[in-house]
Amino acid sequence: MKKWVVDADKEGFSIRFHAIGDGAIRLAIDAYEEAQKANGKRDSRHSVEHIEGFSR
C-alpha cells in the first residue's frame, strides 16, 4: 500500500484514507511519510477521514 501512495503522490494526487483502528491510522500516516521522503515536501493535502482509534 505504501508503494501505491508513493506513486499516486508522485503523480500529484491527493490521497484519502478511511481509517478505523490504530493500525489503519498508523499505516496511513506511515504511507504519507514515505511519500514525502520519496517525492519531497509539497502541498499534498492528504488526509485521514472518519478516523477512529482504539487506544486510550
N, C-alpha and C. Protein backbone atom coordinates (compact mmCIF):
# COMPACT_ATOMS: atom_id res chain seq x y z
N MET A 1 0.81 -1.18 0.00
CA MET A 1 0.00 0.00 0.00
C MET A 1 0.87 1.26 0.00
N LYS A 2 1.99 1.20 0.72
CA LYS A 2 2.87 2.37 0.75
C LYS A 2 3.36 2.72 -0.65
N LYS A 3 3.67 1.71 -1.45
CA LYS A 3 4.15 1.99 -2.82
C LYS A 3 3.05 2.68 -3.63
N TRP A 4 1.82 2.25 -3.48
CA TRP A 4 0.71 2.90 -4.19
C TRP A 4 0.59 4.37 -3.80
N VAL A 5 0.74 4.64 -2.50
CA VAL A 5 0.66 6.02 -2.02
C VAL A 5 1.81 6.84 -2.57
N VAL A 6 3.02 6.29 -2.55
CA VAL A 6 4.19 7.00 -3.09
C VAL A 6 3.98 7.30 -4.57
N ASP A 7 3.51 6.32 -5.32
CA ASP A 7 3.29 6.51 -6.76
C ASP A 7 2.19 7.54 -7.03
N ALA A 8 1.09 7.46 -6.31
CA ALA A 8 -0.02 8.41 -6.50
C ALA A 8 0.41 9.82 -6.12
N ASP A 9 1.15 9.94 -5.03
CA ASP A 9 1.66 11.24 -4.60
C ASP A 9 2.59 11.83 -5.67
N LYS A 10 3.42 10.98 -6.24
CA LYS A 10 4.34 11.44 -7.28
C LYS A 10 3.59 12.01 -8.47
N GLU A 11 2.42 11.47 -8.76
CA GLU A 11 1.60 11.93 -9.89
C GLU A 11 0.74 13.14 -9.52
N GLY A 12 0.80 13.57 -8.26
CA GLY A 12 0.08 14.77 -7.85
C GLY A 12 -1.30 14.55 -7.26
N PHE A 13 -1.66 13.29 -7.02
CA PHE A 13 -2.97 13.00 -6.43
C PHE A 13 -2.99 13.34 -4.95
N SER A 14 -4.13 13.78 -4.44
CA SER A 14 -4.36 13.89 -3.01
C SER A 14 -5.00 12.58 -2.56
N ILE A 15 -4.48 12.00 -1.52
CA ILE A 15 -4.89 10.67 -1.10
C ILE A 15 -5.68 10.77 0.20
N ARG A 16 -6.78 10.03 0.28
CA ARG A 16 -7.60 9.98 1.49
C ARG A 16 -7.76 8.54 1.92
N PHE A 17 -7.52 8.31 3.19
CA PHE A 17 -7.78 7.01 3.80
C PHE A 17 -8.98 7.13 4.71
N HIS A 18 -9.80 6.12 4.75
CA HIS A 18 -10.81 5.96 5.78
C HIS A 18 -10.19 4.95 6.75
N ALA A 19 -9.94 5.37 7.98
CA ALA A 19 -9.17 4.54 8.90
C ALA A 19 -9.94 4.28 10.20
N ILE A 20 -10.13 3.01 10.50
CA ILE A 20 -10.72 2.60 11.76
C ILE A 20 -9.72 1.68 12.44
N GLY A 21 -9.29 2.09 13.61
CA GLY A 21 -8.33 1.30 14.38
C GLY A 21 -6.94 1.90 14.31
N ASP A 22 -6.20 1.66 15.37
CA ASP A 22 -4.86 2.24 15.49
C ASP A 22 -3.92 1.80 14.36
N GLY A 23 -4.02 0.53 13.97
CA GLY A 23 -3.15 0.03 12.91
C GLY A 23 -3.42 0.71 11.57
N ALA A 24 -4.67 0.93 11.26
CA ALA A 24 -5.02 1.59 9.99
C ALA A 24 -4.57 3.05 9.99
N ILE A 25 -4.73 3.71 11.12
CA ILE A 25 -4.29 5.09 11.23
C ILE A 25 -2.79 5.17 11.08
N ARG A 26 -2.06 4.29 11.75
CA ARG A 26 -0.59 4.26 11.66
C ARG A 26 -0.15 3.99 10.23
N LEU A 27 -0.81 3.05 9.55
CA LEU A 27 -0.46 2.74 8.16
C LEU A 27 -0.63 3.96 7.27
N ALA A 28 -1.72 4.69 7.43
CA ALA A 28 -1.95 5.89 6.63
C ALA A 28 -0.86 6.92 6.86
N ILE A 29 -0.56 7.20 8.11
CA ILE A 29 0.47 8.20 8.43
C ILE A 29 1.83 7.75 7.92
N ASP A 30 2.16 6.49 8.11
CA ASP A 30 3.44 5.97 7.62
C ASP A 30 3.54 6.07 6.10
N ALA A 31 2.45 5.80 5.40
CA ALA A 31 2.44 5.88 3.94
C ALA A 31 2.66 7.32 3.48
N TYR A 32 2.02 8.27 4.15
CA TYR A 32 2.21 9.68 3.80
C TYR A 32 3.65 10.12 4.06
N GLU A 33 4.22 9.66 5.16
CA GLU A 33 5.62 9.99 5.45
C GLU A 33 6.57 9.39 4.41
N GLU A 34 6.27 8.17 4.00
CA GLU A 34 7.09 7.51 2.97
C GLU A 34 7.02 8.28 1.66
N ALA A 35 5.83 8.74 1.29
CA ALA A 35 5.68 9.53 0.07
C ALA A 35 6.46 10.83 0.15
N GLN A 36 6.44 11.45 1.31
CA GLN A 36 7.17 12.70 1.48
C GLN A 36 8.68 12.47 1.36
N LYS A 37 9.16 11.39 1.94
CA LYS A 37 10.59 11.06 1.83
C LYS A 37 10.99 10.79 0.38
N ALA A 38 10.14 10.06 -0.33
CA ALA A 38 10.46 9.66 -1.70
C ALA A 38 10.30 10.82 -2.70
N ASN A 39 9.27 11.64 -2.50
CA ASN A 39 8.91 12.64 -3.50
C ASN A 39 9.18 14.08 -3.08
N GLY A 40 9.59 14.28 -1.84
CA GLY A 40 9.84 15.63 -1.35
C GLY A 40 8.57 16.27 -0.81
N LYS A 41 8.76 17.34 -0.05
CA LYS A 41 7.62 18.04 0.54
C LYS A 41 6.91 18.86 -0.52
N ARG A 42 5.58 18.89 -0.42
CA ARG A 42 4.76 19.73 -1.28
C ARG A 42 3.41 19.91 -0.60
N ASP A 43 2.57 20.74 -1.14
CA ASP A 43 1.25 20.97 -0.57
C ASP A 43 0.31 19.87 -1.05
N SER A 44 0.48 18.68 -0.49
CA SER A 44 -0.22 17.49 -1.00
C SER A 44 -1.65 17.36 -0.49
N ARG A 45 -1.95 17.85 0.69
CA ARG A 45 -3.30 17.81 1.27
C ARG A 45 -3.87 16.41 1.42
N HIS A 46 -3.03 15.43 1.71
CA HIS A 46 -3.52 14.10 2.03
C HIS A 46 -4.30 14.17 3.34
N SER A 47 -5.19 13.20 3.54
CA SER A 47 -6.00 13.23 4.75
C SER A 47 -6.38 11.82 5.20
N VAL A 48 -6.81 11.75 6.45
CA VAL A 48 -7.38 10.53 7.02
C VAL A 48 -8.80 10.89 7.42
N GLU A 49 -9.77 10.26 6.78
CA GLU A 49 -11.19 10.55 7.01
C GLU A 49 -11.78 9.53 7.99
N HIS A 50 -12.78 9.95 8.71
CA HIS A 50 -13.52 9.08 9.62
C HIS A 50 -12.58 8.33 10.55
N ILE A 51 -11.59 9.05 11.03
CA ILE A 51 -10.57 8.45 11.88
C ILE A 51 -11.20 7.99 13.19
N GLU A 52 -10.93 6.74 13.54
CA GLU A 52 -11.46 6.17 14.78
C GLU A 52 -10.41 5.24 15.36
N GLY A 53 -9.81 5.67 16.45
CA GLY A 53 -8.78 4.86 17.09
C GLY A 53 -9.33 4.11 18.28
N PHE A 54 -8.56 3.14 18.73
CA PHE A 54 -8.97 2.32 19.86
C PHE A 54 -8.13 2.55 21.10
N SER A 55 -7.00 3.26 20.99
CA SER A 55 -6.12 3.48 22.14
C SER A 55 -6.80 4.37 23.17
N ARG A 56 -6.41 4.16 24.38
CA ARG A 56 -6.93 5.03 25.46
C ARG A 56 -5.79 5.63 26.20
